[in-house]
PDB file of N, CA and C in Angstrom:
ATOM      1  N   MET A   1       0.734  -1.613  -0.159  1.00  0.00           N
ATOM      2  CA  MET A   1       0.264  -0.110  -0.154  1.00  0.00           C
ATOM      3  C   MET A   1       0.782   1.413  -0.262  1.00  0.00           C
ATOM      4  N   ALA A   2       1.804   1.479   0.184  1.00  0.00           N
ATOM      5  CA  ALA A   2       2.959   2.499   0.866  1.00  0.00           C
ATOM      6  C   ALA A   2       3.318   2.602  -0.275  1.00  0.00           C
ATOM      7  N   VAL A   3       4.049   1.115  -1.057  1.00  0.00           N
ATOM      8  CA  VAL A   3       4.280   1.944  -2.743  1.00  0.00           C
ATOM      9  C   VAL A   3       3.359   2.521  -3.692  1.00  0.00           C
ATOM     10  N   LEU A   4       2.438   2.055  -3.806  1.00  0.00           N
ATOM     11  CA  LEU A   4       1.344   3.122  -4.164  1.00  0.00           C
ATOM     12  C   LEU A   4       0.966   4.439  -3.576  1.00  0.00           C
ATOM     13  N   LEU A   5       0.205   4.409  -2.574  1.00  0.00           N
ATOM     14  CA  LEU A   5       0.825   5.908  -2.399  1.00  0.00           C
ATOM     15  C   LEU A   5       1.752   6.820  -2.411  1.00  0.00           C
ATOM     16  N   THR A   6       3.234   6.059  -2.322  1.00  0.00           N
ATOM     17  CA  THR A   6       4.380   7.296  -3.230  1.00  0.00           C
ATOM     18  C   THR A   6       4.066   7.518  -4.502  1.00  0.00           C
ATOM     19  N   PHE A   7       3.367   6.092  -5.250  1.00  0.00           N
ATOM     20  CA  PHE A   7       3.817   5.872  -6.804  1.00  0.00           C
ATOM     21  C   PHE A   7       3.331   7.668  -7.157  1.00  0.00           C
ATOM     22  N   ASN A   8       1.736   8.016  -6.324  1.00  0.00           N
ATOM     23  CA  ASN A   8       0.889   8.430  -6.663  1.00  0.00           C
ATOM     24  C   ASN A   8       1.110   9.355  -6.790  1.00  0.00           C
ATOM     25  N   ALA A   9       1.606  10.088  -5.259  1.00  0.00           N
ATOM     26  CA  ALA A   9       1.984  11.171  -4.963  1.00  0.00           C
ATOM     27  C   ALA A   9       3.317  11.668  -5.598  1.00  0.00           C
ATOM     28  N   LEU A  10       4.516  10.905  -5.940  1.00  0.00           N
ATOM     29  CA  LEU A  10       5.249  11.207  -7.065  1.00  0.00           C
ATOM     30  C   LEU A  10       4.695  11.037  -9.040  1.00  0.00           C
ATOM     31  N   ALA A  11       3.608  10.913  -9.038  1.00  0.00           N
ATOM     32  CA  ALA A  11       2.780  11.157  -9.657  1.00  0.00           C
ATOM     33  C   ALA A  11       2.477  12.624  -9.404  1.00  0.00           C
ATOM     34  N   MET A  12       1.837  12.428  -9.065  1.00  0.00           N
ATOM     35  CA  MET A  12       1.568  14.243  -8.996  1.00  0.00           C
ATOM     36  C   MET A  12       1.918  15.123  -8.634  1.00  0.00           C
ATOM     37  N   LEU A  13       3.207  14.899  -8.019  1.00  0.00           N
ATOM     38  CA  LEU A  13       4.220  16.145  -7.270  1.00  0.00           C
ATOM     39  C   LEU A  13       5.029  15.993  -8.921  1.00  0.00           C
ATOM     40  N   SER A  14       5.431  15.354  -9.946  1.00  0.00           N
ATOM     41  CA  SER A  14       5.563  15.108 -11.534  1.00  0.00           C
ATOM     42  C   SER A  14       5.235  16.412 -11.754  1.00  0.00           C
ATOM     43  N   ALA A  15       3.735  15.853 -11.839  1.00  0.00           N
ATOM     44  CA  ALA A  15       2.604  16.954 -12.468  1.00  0.00           C
ATOM     45  C   ALA A  15       2.303  18.613 -12.929  1.00  0.00           C
ATOM     46  N   ILE A  16       2.512  18.344 -11.183  1.00  0.00           N
ATOM     47  CA  ILE A  16       2.312  19.804 -10.679  1.00  0.00           C
ATOM     48  C   ILE A  16       3.386  20.735 -11.557  1.00  0.00           C
ATOM     49  N   ILE A  17       4.676  20.506 -10.909  1.00  0.00           N
ATOM     50  CA  ILE A  17       6.057  20.741 -11.112  1.00  0.00           C
ATOM     51  C   ILE A  17       5.990  20.876 -12.700  1.00  0.00           C
ATOM     52  N   CYS A  18       5.133  20.388 -13.883  1.00  0.00           N
ATOM     53  CA  CYS A  18       5.946  19.492 -15.149  1.00  0.00           C
ATOM     54  C   CYS A  18       4.066  21.277 -15.727  1.00  0.00           C
ATOM     55  N   ALA A  19       3.665  21.559 -15.015  1.00  0.00           N
ATOM     56  CA  ALA A  19       2.464  22.087 -15.768  1.00  0.00           C
ATOM     57  C   ALA A  19       2.904  23.587 -15.389  1.00  0.00           C
ATOM     58  N   ARG A  20       3.690  23.267 -14.204  1.00  0.00           N
ATOM     59  CA  ARG A  20       3.936  24.839 -13.457  1.00  0.00           C
ATOM     60  C   ARG A  20       4.976  25.186 -14.441  1.00  0.00           C
ATOM     61  N   ARG A  21       6.226  24.927 -14.780  1.00  0.00           N
ATOM     62  CA  ARG A  21       6.999  25.182 -15.580  1.00  0.00           C
ATOM     63  C   ARG A  21       6.580  25.031 -17.140  1.00  0.00           C
ATOM     64  N   SER A  22       5.804  25.196 -17.712  1.00  0.00           N
ATOM     65  CA  SER A  22       5.302  25.571 -19.291  1.00  0.00           C
ATOM     66  C   SER A  22       4.647  26.018 -19.016  1.00  0.00           C
ATOM     67  N   TYR A  23       4.036  26.786 -17.701  1.00  0.00           N
ATOM     68  CA  TYR A  23       2.862  27.433 -17.634  1.00  0.00           C
ATOM     69  C   TYR A  23       3.469  28.741 -17.637  1.00  0.00           C
ATOM     70  N   ARG A  24       4.346  29.411 -16.856  1.00  0.00           N
ATOM     71  CA  ARG A  24       5.242  30.004 -16.510  1.00  0.00           C
ATOM     72  C   ARG A  24       6.384  30.476 -17.938  1.00  0.00           C
ATOM     73  N   ARG A  25       6.871  29.241 -19.311  1.00  0.00           N
ATOM     74  CA  ARG A  25       7.379  29.635 -19.780  1.00  0.00           C
ATOM     75  C   ARG A  25       6.502  30.006 -21.517  1.00  0.00           C
ATOM     76  N   TYR A  26       4.989  29.436 -21.077  1.00  0.00           N
ATOM     77  CA  TYR A  26       4.163  29.401 -22.311  1.00  0.00           C
ATOM     78  C   TYR A  26       2.842  30.437 -22.339  1.00  0.00           C
ATOM     79  N   GLY A  27       2.520  30.786 -20.593  1.00  0.00           N
ATOM     80  CA  GLY A  27       0.971  31.366 -20.472  1.00  0.00           C
ATOM     81  C   GLY A  27       0.887  31.042 -20.874  1.00  0.00           C
ATOM     82  N   SER A  28       0.156  29.753 -21.636  1.00  0.00           N
ATOM     83  CA  SER A  28      -0.955  29.325 -21.951  1.00  0.00           C
ATOM     84  C   SER A  28      -1.347  27.724 -20.869  1.00  0.00           C
ATOM     85  N   ALA A  29      -3.292  27.933 -20.454  1.00  0.00           N
ATOM     86  CA  ALA A  29      -3.409  27.608 -19.659  1.00  0.00           C
ATOM     87  C   ALA A  29      -3.710  26.485 -20.220  1.00  0.00           C
ATOM     88  N   GLY A  30      -3.840  26.003 -20.966  1.00  0.00           N
ATOM     89  CA  GLY A  30      -4.102  24.243 -22.123  1.00  0.00           C
ATOM     90  C   GLY A  30      -2.813  24.096 -22.168  1.00  0.00           C
ATOM     91  N   ARG A  31      -1.826  24.597 -22.583  1.00  0.00           N
ATOM     92  CA  ARG A  31      -0.636  23.548 -22.847  1.00  0.00           C
ATOM     93  C   ARG A  31      -0.295  23.704 -21.044  1.00  0.00           C
ATOM     94  N   ALA A  32      -0.002  24.423 -20.358  1.00  0.00           N
ATOM     95  CA  ALA A  32       0.146  23.184 -18.598  1.00  0.00           C
ATOM     96  C   ALA A  32      -0.899  22.626 -18.409  1.00  0.00           C
ATOM     97  N   MET A  33      -2.047  22.078 -18.281  1.00  0.00           N
ATOM     98  CA  MET A  33      -2.467  21.046 -19.130  1.00  0.00           C
ATOM     99  C   MET A  33      -1.960  19.993 -19.538  1.00  0.00           C
ATOM    100  N   MET A  34      -1.674  19.597 -20.657  1.00  0.00           N
ATOM    101  CA  MET A  34      -0.723  18.911 -20.983  1.00  0.00           C
ATOM    102  C   MET A  34       0.438  19.077 -20.723  1.00  0.00           C
ATOM    103  N   ALA A  35       1.133  19.703 -20.176  1.00  0.00           N
ATOM    104  CA  ALA A  35       2.214  19.284 -20.042  1.00  0.00           C
ATOM    105  C   ALA A  35       1.740  18.220 -18.448  1.00  0.00           C
ATOM    106  N   GLY A  36       1.114  18.806 -18.115  1.00  0.00           N
ATOM    107  CA  GLY A  36       0.398  17.827 -16.519  1.00  0.00           C
ATOM    108  C   GLY A  36       0.078  16.574 -16.854  1.00  0.00           C
ATOM    109  N   VAL A  37      -0.598  16.789 -17.674  1.00  0.00           N
ATOM    110  CA  VAL A  37      -1.027  15.419 -17.476  1.00  0.00           C
ATOM    111  C   VAL A  37       0.099  14.362 -18.662  1.00  0.00           C
ATOM    112  N   ALA A  38       1.220  15.187 -18.947  1.00  0.00           N
ATOM    113  CA  ALA A  38       2.123  14.137 -19.543  1.00  0.00           C
ATOM    114  C   ALA A  38       3.006  14.085 -18.647  1.00  0.00           C
ATOM    115  N   GLY A  39       3.238  14.264 -17.677  1.00  0.00           N
ATOM    116  CA  GLY A  39       4.015  14.621 -16.907  1.00  0.00           C
ATOM    117  C   GLY A  39       3.875  13.924 -15.426  1.00  0.00           C
ATOM    118  N   LEU A  40       2.196  13.041 -15.898  1.00  0.00           N
ATOM    119  CA  LEU A  40       2.454  12.426 -14.938  1.00  0.00           C
ATOM    120  C   LEU A  40       3.121  11.105 -14.690  1.00  0.00           C
ATOM    121  N   LEU A  41       3.644  10.911 -14.911  1.00  0.00           N
ATOM    122  CA  LEU A  41       4.253   9.398 -15.222  1.00  0.00           C
ATOM    123  C   LEU A  41       5.875   9.588 -15.332  1.00  0.00           C
ATOM    124  N   VAL A  42       6.971  10.916 -14.894  1.00  0.00           N
ATOM    125  CA  VAL A  42       7.176  11.189 -15.233  1.00  0.00           C
ATOM    126  C   VAL A  42       8.590  10.569 -15.038  1.00  0.00           C
ATOM    127  N   LEU A  43       8.046  11.130 -13.193  1.00  0.00           N
ATOM    128  CA  LEU A  43       9.416  11.006 -12.073  1.00  0.00           C
ATOM    129  C   LEU A  43       8.597   9.653 -11.614  1.00  0.00           C
ATOM    130  N   PRO A  44       7.877   9.112 -11.435  1.00  0.00           N
ATOM    131  CA  PRO A  44       7.960   7.482 -10.948  1.00  0.00           C
ATOM    132  C   PRO A  44       7.563   7.241 -11.696  1.00  0.00           C
ATOM    133  N   LEU A  45       7.793   6.738 -13.286  1.00  0.00           N
ATOM    134  CA  LEU A  45       8.757   6.098 -13.498  1.00  0.00           C
ATOM    135  C   LEU A  45      10.646   5.968 -13.846  1.00  0.00           C
ATOM    136  N   ILE A  46      11.319   7.406 -13.671  1.00  0.00           N
ATOM    137  CA  ILE A  46      12.799   6.787 -13.005  1.00  0.00           C
ATOM    138  C   ILE A  46      12.705   6.171 -11.852  1.00  0.00           C
ATOM    139  N   VAL A  47      11.738   6.488 -11.000  1.00  0.00           N
ATOM    140  CA  VAL A  47      11.863   5.435  -9.702  1.00  0.00           C
ATOM    141  C   VAL A  47      12.049   4.255 -10.099  1.00  0.00           C
ATOM    142  N   VAL A  48      10.522   3.697 -10.903  1.00  0.00           N
ATOM    143  CA  VAL A  48      10.714   2.324 -11.263  1.00  0.00           C
ATOM    144  C   VAL A  48      12.096   1.798 -12.112  1.00  0.00           C
ATOM    145  N   VAL A  49      12.740   2.560 -13.572  1.00  0.00           N
ATOM    146  CA  VAL A  49      13.897   1.751 -13.660  1.00  0.00           C
ATOM    147  C   VAL A  49      15.031   2.255 -12.951  1.00  0.00           C
ATOM    148  N   ALA A  50      15.065   3.079 -11.932  1.00  0.00           N
ATOM    149  CA  ALA A  50      16.385   2.882 -11.424  1.00  0.00           C
ATOM    150  C   ALA A  50      16.123   1.557  -9.997  1.00  0.00           C
ATOM    151  N   VAL A  51      14.901   1.906  -9.515  1.00  0.00           N
ATOM    152  CA  VAL A  51      14.460   0.056  -8.387  1.00  0.00           C
ATOM    153  C   VAL A  51      15.045  -1.345  -9.267  1.00  0.00           C
ATOM    154  N   SER A  52      14.309  -1.008 -10.314  1.00  0.00           N
ATOM    155  CA  SER A  52      15.041  -2.104 -10.916  1.00  0.00           C
ATOM    156  C   SER A  52      16.116  -2.533 -11.264  1.00  0.00           C
ATOM    157  N   VAL A  53      16.765  -1.895 -11.672  1.00  0.00           N
ATOM    158  CA  VAL A  53      18.106  -1.826 -11.738  1.00  0.00           C
ATOM    159  C   VAL A  53      19.629  -2.219 -10.357  1.00  0.00           C
ATOM    160  N   ALA A  54      18.758  -1.763  -9.744  1.00  0.00           N
ATOM    161  CA  ALA A  54      19.485  -1.749  -8.205  1.00  0.00           C
ATOM    162  C   ALA A  54      18.967  -3.163  -7.818  1.00  0.00           C
ATOM    163  N   ALA A  55      17.692  -3.960  -8.603  1.00  0.00           N
ATOM    164  CA  ALA A  55      17.415  -5.247  -7.460  1.00  0.00           C
ATOM    165  C   ALA A  55      18.590  -6.047  -7.459  1.00  0.00           C
ATOM    166  N   PRO A  56      18.531  -7.016  -7.228  1.00  0.00           N
ATOM    167  CA  PRO A  56      19.615  -8.379  -7.202  1.00  0.00           C
ATOM    168  C   PRO A  56      19.472  -8.940  -8.377  1.00  0.00           C
ATOM    169  N   ARG A  57      20.197  -9.598  -9.538  1.00  0.00           N
ATOM    170  CA  ARG A  57      20.047 -10.716 -10.061  1.00  0.00           C
ATOM    171  C   ARG A  57      19.004 -11.466 -10.029  1.00  0.00           C
ATOM    172  N   ALA A  58      19.263 -12.298  -8.816  1.00  0.00           N
ATOM    173  CA  ALA A  58      18.370 -13.426  -8.399  1.00  0.00           C
ATOM    174  C   ALA A  58      17.198 -12.733  -8.171  1.00  0.00           C
ATOM    175  N   ALA A  59      16.273 -11.953  -7.904  1.00  0.00           N
ATOM    176  CA  ALA A  59      15.466 -11.165  -7.709  1.00  0.00           C
ATOM    177  C   ALA A  59      14.630 -10.609  -8.736  1.00  0.00           C
ATOM    178  N   ARG A  60      15.363 -10.796 -10.076  1.00  0.00           N
ATOM    179  CA  ARG A  60      15.056 -10.699 -11.778  1.00  0.00           C
ATOM    180  C   ARG A  60      14.076 -11.293 -12.202  1.00  0.00           C
ATOM    181  N   VAL A  61      13.033 -10.757 -12.695  1.00  0.00           N
ATOM    182  CA  VAL A  61      11.775 -12.446 -12.904  1.00  0.00           C
ATOM    183  C   VAL A  61      12.894 -12.619 -14.442  1.00  0.00           C
ATOM    184  N   GLY A  62      13.363 -13.544 -15.115  1.00  0.00           N
ATOM    185  CA  GLY A  62      13.647 -13.753 -16.837  1.00  0.00           C
ATOM    186  C   GLY A  62      15.506 -13.526 -16.502  1.00  0.00           C
TER     187      GLY A  62
END
């Protein structure tokens, strides 16, 4: 449960940061909304990749 909450918190943080930066740069609310939606998986994806690379070989599937 904690992993899911952490994943969601990182996704929301990433979306907020992407939307804020886009709005400051372009001044368009629609473009900021699309950047926020696109940013939903940026930070959690980085965390997932880092964890999968750091996992011991015996724990990996395949």
